[in-house]
Amino acid sequence: MKVKPLADRVLVRLEKNEAKTAGGLFIPETAQEKTQAGMIVEVGPGTEKDPVTVKVGQKVMYDKYAGTQIKLDGVEHLILKMSDLVAVIE
């Protein structure tokens, strides 16, 4: 399935959390801290008032409780507004 965000929204593929500690212990998914970073996979066209300033392929950080979570081809994604993005990771 292909999803194309509208207006000033972007589609972000969530990063996988490490399930193993440096000491070799496995952490169950329910006990892992959710990361607030991901890779942009699609961007909307933006609006005159709210232009989209990120590009596909950039790694970004976003607000913790922002966006709409969806699953595409078994992979977790978020649809976020540009205002929910807090940083580009280089």
PDB file of N, CA and C in Angstrom:
ATOM      1  N   MET A   1       0.849  -1.175   0.000  1.00  0.00           N
ATOM      2  CA  MET A   1       0.000   0.000   0.000  1.00  0.00           C
ATOM      3  C   MET A   1       0.893   1.235   0.000  1.00  0.00           C
ATOM      4  N   LYS A   2       0.493   2.260  -0.743  1.00  0.00           N
ATOM      5  CA  LYS A   2       1.239   3.513  -0.806  1.00  0.00           C
ATOM      6  C   LYS A   2       0.424   4.598  -0.116  1.00  0.00           C
ATOM      7  N   VAL A   3       1.084   5.373   0.757  1.00  0.00           N
ATOM      8  CA  VAL A   3       0.425   6.449   1.481  1.00  0.00           C
ATOM      9  C   VAL A   3       1.115   7.760   1.126  1.00  0.00           C
ATOM     10  N   LYS A   4       0.353   8.746   0.689  1.00  0.00           N
ATOM     11  CA  LYS A   4       0.885  10.065   0.351  1.00  0.00           C
ATOM     12  C   LYS A   4       0.285  11.075   1.321  1.00  0.00           C
ATOM     13  N   PRO A   5       1.100  11.661   2.221  1.00  0.00           N
ATOM     14  CA  PRO A   5       0.590  12.646   3.176  1.00  0.00           C
ATOM     15  C   PRO A   5       0.042  13.891   2.469  1.00  0.00           C
ATOM     16  N   LEU A   6      -0.922  14.531   3.094  1.00  0.00           N
ATOM     17  CA  LEU A   6      -1.523  15.750   2.565  1.00  0.00           C
ATOM     18  C   LEU A   6      -0.988  16.968   3.305  1.00  0.00           C
ATOM     19  N   ALA A   7      -1.104  18.121   2.677  1.00  0.00           N
ATOM     20  CA  ALA A   7      -0.740  19.425   3.247  1.00  0.00           C
ATOM     21  C   ALA A   7       0.664  19.414   3.849  1.00  0.00           C
ATOM     22  N   ASP A   8       0.795  19.799   5.128  1.00  0.00           N
ATOM     23  CA  ASP A   8       2.118  19.920   5.757  1.00  0.00           C
ATOM     24  C   ASP A   8       2.487  18.681   6.573  1.00  0.00           C
ATOM     25  N   ARG A   9       2.004  17.526   6.158  1.00  0.00           N
ATOM     26  CA  ARG A   9       2.287  16.292   6.898  1.00  0.00           C
ATOM     27  C   ARG A   9       3.392  15.483   6.228  1.00  0.00           C
ATOM     28  N   VAL A  10       4.062  14.661   7.045  1.00  0.00           N
ATOM     29  CA  VAL A  10       5.125  13.783   6.550  1.00  0.00           C
ATOM     30  C   VAL A  10       4.894  12.375   7.087  1.00  0.00           C
ATOM     31  N   LEU A  11       5.360  11.376   6.334  1.00  0.00           N
ATOM     32  CA  LEU A  11       5.271   9.981   6.746  1.00  0.00           C
ATOM     33  C   LEU A  11       6.656   9.557   7.209  1.00  0.00           C
ATOM     34  N   VAL A  12       6.760   9.084   8.450  1.00  0.00           N
ATOM     35  CA  VAL A  12       8.039   8.732   9.068  1.00  0.00           C
ATOM     36  C   VAL A  12       8.036   7.250   9.429  1.00  0.00           C
ATOM     37  N   ARG A  13       9.073   6.526   8.988  1.00  0.00           N
ATOM     38  CA  ARG A  13       9.261   5.119   9.385  1.00  0.00           C
ATOM     39  C   ARG A  13       9.962   5.116  10.734  1.00  0.00           C
ATOM     40  N   LEU A  14       9.378   4.465  11.723  1.00  0.00           N
ATOM     41  CA  LEU A  14       9.930   4.453  13.070  1.00  0.00           C
ATOM     42  C   LEU A  14      11.194   3.613  13.142  1.00  0.00           C
ATOM     43  N   GLU A  15      12.127   4.024  13.996  1.00  0.00           N
ATOM     44  CA  GLU A  15      13.348   3.252  14.212  1.00  0.00           C
ATOM     45  C   GLU A  15      13.056   2.074  15.121  1.00  0.00           C
ATOM     46  N   LYS A  16      13.742   0.989  14.886  1.00  0.00           N
ATOM     47  CA  LYS A  16      13.646  -0.184  15.770  1.00  0.00           C
ATOM     48  C   LYS A  16      14.499   0.063  16.997  1.00  0.00           C
ATOM     49  N   ASN A  17      13.989  -0.302  18.155  1.00  0.00           N
ATOM     50  CA  ASN A  17      14.754  -0.207  19.393  1.00  0.00           C
ATOM     51  C   ASN A  17      15.650  -1.423  19.538  1.00  0.00           C
ATOM     52  N   GLU A  18      16.799  -1.228  20.145  1.00  0.00           N
ATOM     53  CA  GLU A  18      17.689  -2.354  20.432  1.00  0.00           C
ATOM     54  C   GLU A  18      17.018  -3.235  21.479  1.00  0.00           C
ATOM     55  N   ALA A  19      16.927  -4.515  21.214  1.00  0.00           N
ATOM     56  CA  ALA A  19      16.274  -5.440  22.133  1.00  0.00           C
ATOM     57  C   ALA A  19      17.274  -6.102  23.062  1.00  0.00           C
ATOM     58  N   LYS A  20      18.541  -5.725  22.940  1.00  0.00           N
ATOM     59  CA  LYS A  20      19.579  -6.356  23.745  1.00  0.00           C
ATOM     60  C   LYS A  20      20.469  -5.271  24.350  1.00  0.00           C
ATOM     61  N   THR A  21      20.803  -5.413  25.625  1.00  0.00           N
ATOM     62  CA  THR A  21      21.682  -4.452  26.292  1.00  0.00           C
ATOM     63  C   THR A  21      23.138  -4.741  25.931  1.00  0.00           C
ATOM     64  N   ALA A  22      24.025  -3.822  26.318  1.00  0.00           N
ATOM     65  CA  ALA A  22      25.450  -4.012  26.066  1.00  0.00           C
ATOM     66  C   ALA A  22      25.967  -5.263  26.778  1.00  0.00           C
ATOM     67  N   GLY A  23      25.346  -5.621  27.901  1.00  0.00           N
ATOM     68  CA  GLY A  23      25.754  -6.808  28.649  1.00  0.00           C
ATOM     69  C   GLY A  23      25.165  -8.101  28.112  1.00  0.00           C
ATOM     70  N   GLY A  24      24.302  -8.010  27.087  1.00  0.00           N
ATOM     71  CA  GLY A  24      23.757  -9.211  26.467  1.00  0.00           C
ATOM     72  C   GLY A  24      22.366  -9.596  26.939  1.00  0.00           C
ATOM     73  N   LEU A  25      21.744  -8.788  27.808  1.00  0.00           N
ATOM     74  CA  LEU A  25      20.391  -9.097  28.277  1.00  0.00           C
ATOM     75  C   LEU A  25      19.362  -8.654  27.248  1.00  0.00           C
ATOM     76  N   PHE A  26      18.331  -9.466  27.044  1.00  0.00           N
ATOM     77  CA  PHE A  26      17.257  -9.109  26.127  1.00  0.00           C
ATOM     78  C   PHE A  26      16.177  -8.350  26.874  1.00  0.00           C
ATOM     79  N   ILE A  27      15.711  -7.243  26.273  1.00  0.00           N
ATOM     80  CA  ILE A  27      14.676  -6.404  26.870  1.00  0.00           C
ATOM     81  C   ILE A  27      13.384  -6.647  26.103  1.00  0.00           C
ATOM     82  N   PRO A  28      12.304  -7.045  26.800  1.00  0.00           N
ATOM     83  CA  PRO A  28      11.043  -7.251  26.086  1.00  0.00           C
ATOM     84  C   PRO A  28      10.539  -5.929  25.495  1.00  0.00           C
ATOM     85  N   GLU A  29       9.831  -6.020  24.371  1.00  0.00           N
ATOM     86  CA  GLU A  29       9.355  -4.822  23.680  1.00  0.00           C
ATOM     87  C   GLU A  29       8.479  -3.954  24.572  1.00  0.00           C
ATOM     88  N   THR A  30       7.705  -4.570  25.470  1.00  0.00           N
ATOM     89  CA  THR A  30       6.817  -3.807  26.347  1.00  0.00           C
ATOM     90  C   THR A  30       7.580  -2.978  27.367  1.00  0.00           C
ATOM     91  N   ALA A  31       8.837  -3.322  27.658  1.00  0.00           N
ATOM     92  CA  ALA A  31       9.633  -2.596  28.653  1.00  0.00           C
ATOM     93  C   ALA A  31      10.589  -1.589  28.016  1.00  0.00           C
ATOM     94  N   GLN A  32      10.640  -1.547  26.692  1.00  0.00           N
ATOM     95  CA  GLN A  32      11.579  -0.646  26.020  1.00  0.00           C
ATOM     96  C   GLN A  32      11.030   0.774  25.975  1.00  0.00           C
ATOM     97  N   GLU A  33      11.923   1.726  26.113  1.00  0.00           N
ATOM     98  CA  GLU A  33      11.573   3.138  25.968  1.00  0.00           C
ATOM     99  C   GLU A  33      11.387   3.409  24.478  1.00  0.00           C
ATOM    100  N   LYS A  34      10.301   4.052  24.126  1.00  0.00           N
ATOM    101  CA  LYS A  34      10.013   4.349  22.732  1.00  0.00           C
ATOM    102  C   LYS A  34      10.900   5.500  22.257  1.00  0.00           C
ATOM    103  N   THR A  35      11.589   5.295  21.149  1.00  0.00           N
ATOM    104  CA  THR A  35      12.409   6.377  20.603  1.00  0.00           C
ATOM    105  C   THR A  35      11.517   7.353  19.857  1.00  0.00           C
ATOM    106  N   GLN A  36      11.960   8.581  19.779  1.00  0.00           N
ATOM    107  CA  GLN A  36      11.218   9.586  19.036  1.00  0.00           C
ATOM    108  C   GLN A  36      12.025  10.006  17.813  1.00  0.00           C
ATOM    109  N   ALA A  37      12.494   9.034  17.066  1.00  0.00           N
ATOM    110  CA  ALA A  37      13.259   9.316  15.855  1.00  0.00           C
ATOM    111  C   ALA A  37      12.841   8.363  14.764  1.00  0.00           C
ATOM    112  N   GLY A  38      13.000   8.817  13.537  1.00  0.00           N
ATOM    113  CA  GLY A  38      12.659   7.981  12.401  1.00  0.00           C
ATOM    114  C   GLY A  38      13.150   8.587  11.103  1.00  0.00           C
ATOM    115  N   MET A  39      12.889   7.878  10.016  1.00  0.00           N
ATOM    116  CA  MET A  39      13.328   8.288   8.684  1.00  0.00           C
ATOM    117  C   MET A  39      12.117   8.734   7.876  1.00  0.00           C
ATOM    118  N   ILE A  40      12.226   9.874   7.223  1.00  0.00           N
ATOM    119  CA  ILE A  40      11.145  10.383   6.391  1.00  0.00           C
ATOM    120  C   ILE A  40      11.077   9.558   5.107  1.00  0.00           C
ATOM    121  N   VAL A  41       9.875   9.026   4.818  1.00  0.00           N
ATOM    122  CA  VAL A  41       9.706   8.222   3.614  1.00  0.00           C
ATOM    123  C   VAL A  41       8.789   8.884   2.585  1.00  0.00           C
ATOM    124  N   GLU A  42       7.952   9.818   3.008  1.00  0.00           N
ATOM    125  CA  GLU A  42       7.089  10.581   2.099  1.00  0.00           C
ATOM    126  C   GLU A  42       6.811  11.941   2.722  1.00  0.00           C
ATOM    127  N   VAL A  43       6.625  12.953   1.872  1.00  0.00           N
ATOM    128  CA  VAL A  43       6.279  14.290   2.357  1.00  0.00           C
ATOM    129  C   VAL A  43       5.077  14.797   1.581  1.00  0.00           C
ATOM    130  N   GLY A  44       4.267  15.598   2.256  1.00  0.00           N
ATOM    131  CA  GLY A  44       3.142  16.238   1.590  1.00  0.00           C
ATOM    132  C   GLY A  44       3.623  17.454   0.814  1.00  0.00           C
ATOM    133  N   PRO A  45       2.745  18.079   0.041  1.00  0.00           N
ATOM    134  CA  PRO A  45       3.137  19.227  -0.769  1.00  0.00           C
ATOM    135  C   PRO A  45       3.342  20.508   0.038  1.00  0.00           C
ATOM    136  N   GLY A  46       2.878  20.525   1.281  1.00  0.00           N
ATOM    137  CA  GLY A  46       2.972  21.734   2.091  1.00  0.00           C
ATOM    138  C   GLY A  46       1.868  22.711   1.716  1.00  0.00           C
ATOM    139  N   THR A  47       1.813  23.800   2.455  1.00  0.00           N
ATOM    140  CA  THR A  47       0.864  24.873   2.160  1.00  0.00           C
ATOM    141  C   THR A  47       1.641  26.176   2.133  1.00  0.00           C
ATOM    142  N   GLU A  48       1.009  27.213   1.665  1.00  0.00           N
ATOM    143  CA  GLU A  48       1.684  28.518   1.635  1.00  0.00           C
ATOM    144  C   GLU A  48       2.035  28.968   3.050  1.00  0.00           C
ATOM    145  N   LYS A  49       1.131  28.711   3.982  1.00  0.00           N
ATOM    146  CA  LYS A  49       1.354  29.093   5.384  1.00  0.00           C
ATOM    147  C   LYS A  49       2.338  28.155   6.087  1.00  0.00           C
ATOM    148  N   ASP A  50       2.271  26.858   5.785  1.00  0.00           N
ATOM    149  CA  ASP A  50       3.111  25.847   6.431  1.00  0.00           C
ATOM    150  C   ASP A  50       3.866  25.017   5.389  1.00  0.00           C
ATOM    151  N   PRO A  51       4.998  25.517   4.875  1.00  0.00           N
ATOM    152  CA  PRO A  51       5.752  24.750   3.886  1.00  0.00           C
ATOM    153  C   PRO A  51       6.458  23.552   4.521  1.00  0.00           C
ATOM    154  N   VAL A  52       6.690  22.508   3.733  1.00  0.00           N
ATOM    155  CA  VAL A  52       7.431  21.337   4.195  1.00  0.00           C
ATOM    156  C   VAL A  52       8.908  21.627   3.971  1.00  0.00           C
ATOM    157  N   THR A  53       9.709  21.556   5.048  1.00  0.00           N
ATOM    158  CA  THR A  53      11.131  21.925   4.962  1.00  0.00           C
ATOM    159  C   THR A  53      12.064  20.731   5.108  1.00  0.00           C
ATOM    160  N   VAL A  54      11.525  19.521   5.099  1.00  0.00           N
ATOM    161  CA  VAL A  54      12.353  18.315   5.180  1.00  0.00           C
ATOM    162  C   VAL A  54      12.206  17.528   3.891  1.00  0.00           C
ATOM    163  N   LYS A  55      13.152  16.601   3.670  1.00  0.00           N
ATOM    164  CA  LYS A  55      13.149  15.805   2.438  1.00  0.00           C
ATOM    165  C   LYS A  55      13.102  14.318   2.764  1.00  0.00           C
ATOM    166  N   VAL A  56      12.676  13.544   1.805  1.00  0.00           N
ATOM    167  CA  VAL A  56      12.677  12.092   1.931  1.00  0.00           C
ATOM    168  C   VAL A  56      14.113  11.635   2.184  1.00  0.00           C
ATOM    169  N   GLY A  57      14.278  10.715   3.142  1.00  0.00           N
ATOM    170  CA  GLY A  57      15.593  10.175   3.470  1.00  0.00           C
ATOM    171  C   GLY A  57      16.251  10.830   4.673  1.00  0.00           C
ATOM    172  N   GLN A  58      15.723  11.973   5.137  1.00  0.00           N
ATOM    173  CA  GLN A  58      16.301  12.618   6.317  1.00  0.00           C
ATOM    174  C   GLN A  58      15.832  11.913   7.581  1.00  0.00           C
ATOM    175  N   LYS A  59      16.710  11.860   8.574  1.00  0.00           N
ATOM    176  CA  LYS A  59      16.385  11.294   9.877  1.00  0.00           C
ATOM    177  C   LYS A  59      15.938  12.455  10.764  1.00  0.00           C
ATOM    178  N   VAL A  60      14.807  12.289  11.440  1.00  0.00           N
ATOM    179  CA  VAL A  60      14.231  13.372  12.243  1.00  0.00           C
ATOM    180  C   VAL A  60      13.850  12.882  13.635  1.00  0.00           C
ATOM    181  N   MET A  61      13.736  13.842  14.541  1.00  0.00           N
ATOM    182  CA  MET A  61      13.181  13.603  15.880  1.00  0.00           C
ATOM    183  C   MET A  61      11.831  14.296  15.926  1.00  0.00           C
ATOM    184  N   TYR A  62      10.896  13.719  16.699  1.00  0.00           N
ATOM    185  CA  TYR A  62       9.552  14.279  16.774  1.00  0.00           C
ATOM    186  C   TYR A  62       9.051  14.252  18.209  1.00  0.00           C
ATOM    187  N   ASP A  63       7.978  15.006  18.476  1.00  0.00           N
ATOM    188  CA  ASP A  63       7.362  15.039  19.803  1.00  0.00           C
ATOM    189  C   ASP A  63       6.888  13.641  20.192  1.00  0.00           C
ATOM    190  N   LYS A  64       6.983  13.328  21.475  1.00  0.00           N
ATOM    191  CA  LYS A  64       6.720  11.976  21.978  1.00  0.00           C
ATOM    192  C   LYS A  64       5.322  11.447  21.664  1.00  0.00           C
ATOM    193  N   TYR A  65       4.296  12.241  21.846  1.00  0.00           N
ATOM    194  CA  TYR A  65       2.924  11.746  21.670  1.00  0.00           C
ATOM    195  C   TYR A  65       2.272  12.284  20.397  1.00  0.00           C
ATOM    196  N   ALA A  66       3.066  12.644  19.417  1.00  0.00           N
ATOM    197  CA  ALA A  66       2.546  13.255  18.193  1.00  0.00           C
ATOM    198  C   ALA A  66       2.181  12.209  17.149  1.00  0.00           C
ATOM    199  N   GLY A  67       1.334  12.613  16.236  1.00  0.00           N
ATOM    200  CA  GLY A  67       1.090  11.843  15.031  1.00  0.00           C
ATOM    201  C   GLY A  67       0.063  10.729  15.136  1.00  0.00           C
ATOM    202  N   THR A  68      -0.172  10.132  13.976  1.00  0.00           N
ATOM    203  CA  THR A  68      -1.084   9.009  13.836  1.00  0.00           C
ATOM    204  C   THR A  68      -0.268   7.800  13.435  1.00  0.00           C
ATOM    205  N   GLN A  69      -0.320   6.751  14.232  1.00  0.00           N
ATOM    206  CA  GLN A  69       0.487   5.562  13.976  1.00  0.00           C
ATOM    207  C   GLN A  69      -0.245   4.637  13.017  1.00  0.00           C
ATOM    208  N   ILE A  70       0.492   4.157  11.993  1.00  0.00           N
ATOM    209  CA  ILE A  70      -0.054   3.204  11.039  1.00  0.00           C
ATOM    210  C   ILE A  70       0.987   2.127  10.763  1.00  0.00           C
ATOM    211  N   LYS A  71       0.529   0.985  10.266  1.00  0.00           N
ATOM    212  CA  LYS A  71       1.433  -0.108   9.926  1.00  0.00           C
ATOM    213  C   LYS A  71       1.335  -0.337   8.423  1.00  0.00           C
ATOM    214  N   LEU A  72       2.466  -0.224   7.722  1.00  0.00           N
ATOM    215  CA  LEU A  72       2.520  -0.441   6.284  1.00  0.00           C
ATOM    216  C   LEU A  72       3.458  -1.604   5.997  1.00  0.00           C
ATOM    217  N   ASP A  73       2.958  -2.633   5.369  1.00  0.00           N
ATOM    218  CA  ASP A  73       3.755  -3.819   5.045  1.00  0.00           C
ATOM    219  C   ASP A  73       4.489  -4.367   6.262  1.00  0.00           C
ATOM    220  N   GLY A  74       3.831  -4.337   7.426  1.00  0.00           N
ATOM    221  CA  GLY A  74       4.403  -4.884   8.650  1.00  0.00           C
ATOM    222  C   GLY A  74       5.386  -3.965   9.364  1.00  0.00           C
ATOM    223  N   VAL A  75       5.555  -2.733   8.879  1.00  0.00           N
ATOM    224  CA  VAL A  75       6.503  -1.783   9.478  1.00  0.00           C
ATOM    225  C   VAL A  75       5.729  -0.601  10.064  1.00  0.00           C
ATOM    226  N   GLU A  76       6.084  -0.223  11.308  1.00  0.00           N
ATOM    227  CA  GLU A  76       5.412   0.892  11.985  1.00  0.00           C
ATOM    228  C   GLU A  76       5.836   2.229  11.384  1.00  0.00           C
ATOM    229  N   HIS A  77       4.839   3.105  11.130  1.00  0.00           N
ATOM    230  CA  HIS A  77       5.065   4.449  10.607  1.00  0.00           C
ATOM    231  C   HIS A  77       4.214   5.437  11.398  1.00  0.00           C
ATOM    232  N   LEU A  78       4.556   6.702  11.295  1.00  0.00           N
ATOM    233  CA  LEU A  78       3.754   7.783  11.863  1.00  0.00           C
ATOM    234  C   LEU A  78       3.482   8.811  10.779  1.00  0.00           C
ATOM    235  N   ILE A  79       2.281   9.377  10.785  1.00  0.00           N
ATOM    236  CA  ILE A  79       1.981  10.538   9.955  1.00  0.00           C
ATOM    237  C   ILE A  79       2.013  11.728  10.903  1.00  0.00           C
ATOM    238  N   LEU A  80       2.925  12.658  10.648  1.00  0.00           N
ATOM    239  CA  LEU A  80       3.153  13.799  11.533  1.00  0.00           C
ATOM    240  C   LEU A  80       2.967  15.116  10.799  1.00  0.00           C
ATOM    241  N   LYS A  81       2.572  16.159  11.527  1.00  0.00           N
ATOM    242  CA  LYS A  81       2.569  17.514  10.990  1.00  0.00           C
ATOM    243  C   LYS A  81       3.991  18.054  11.095  1.00  0.00           C
ATOM    244  N   MET A  82       4.324  18.998  10.258  1.00  0.00           N
ATOM    245  CA  MET A  82       5.660  19.620  10.305  1.00  0.00           C
ATOM    246  C   MET A  82       5.930  20.214  11.694  1.00  0.00           C
ATOM    247  N   SER A  83       4.903  20.752  12.338  1.00  0.00           N
ATOM    248  CA  SER A  83       5.082  21.370  13.654  1.00  0.00           C
ATOM    249  C   SER A  83       5.415  20.355  14.734  1.00  0.00           C
ATOM    250  N   ASP A  84       5.175  19.046  14.481  1.00  0.00           N
ATOM    251  CA  ASP A  84       5.513  18.003  15.437  1.00  0.00           C
ATOM    252  C   ASP A  84       6.990  17.577  15.353  1.00  0.00           C
ATOM    253  N   LEU A  85       7.658  17.941  14.253  1.00  0.00           N
ATOM    254  CA  LEU A  85       9.078  17.627  14.110  1.00  0.00           C
ATOM    255  C   LEU A  85       9.893  18.608  14.941  1.00  0.00           C
ATOM    256  N   VAL A  86      10.882  18.101  15.666  1.00  0.00           N
ATOM    257  CA  VAL A  86      11.677  18.988  16.519  1.00  0.00           C
ATOM    258  C   VAL A  86      13.126  19.138  16.060  1.00  0.00           C
ATOM    259  N   ALA A  87      13.633  18.196  15.245  1.00  0.00           N
ATOM    260  CA  ALA A  87      15.021  18.295  14.802  1.00  0.00           C
ATOM    261  C   ALA A  87      15.288  17.367  13.627  1.00  0.00           C
ATOM    262  N   VAL A  88      16.292  17.751  12.835  1.00  0.00           N
ATOM    263  CA  VAL A  88      16.835  16.878  11.790  1.00  0.00           C
ATOM    264  C   VAL A  88      18.144  16.338  12.336  1.00  0.00           C
ATOM    265  N   ILE A  89      18.338  15.020  12.258  1.00  0.00           N
ATOM    266  CA  ILE A  89      19.565  14.384  12.762  1.00  0.00           C
ATOM    267  C   ILE A  89      20.502  14.187  11.589  1.00  0.00           C
ATOM    268  N   GLU A  90      21.699  14.733  11.723  1.00  0.00           N
ATOM    269  CA  GLU A  90      22.700  14.603  10.644  1.00  0.00           C
ATOM    270  C   GLU A  90      23.801  13.676  11.028  1.00  0.00           C
TER     271      GLU A  90
END
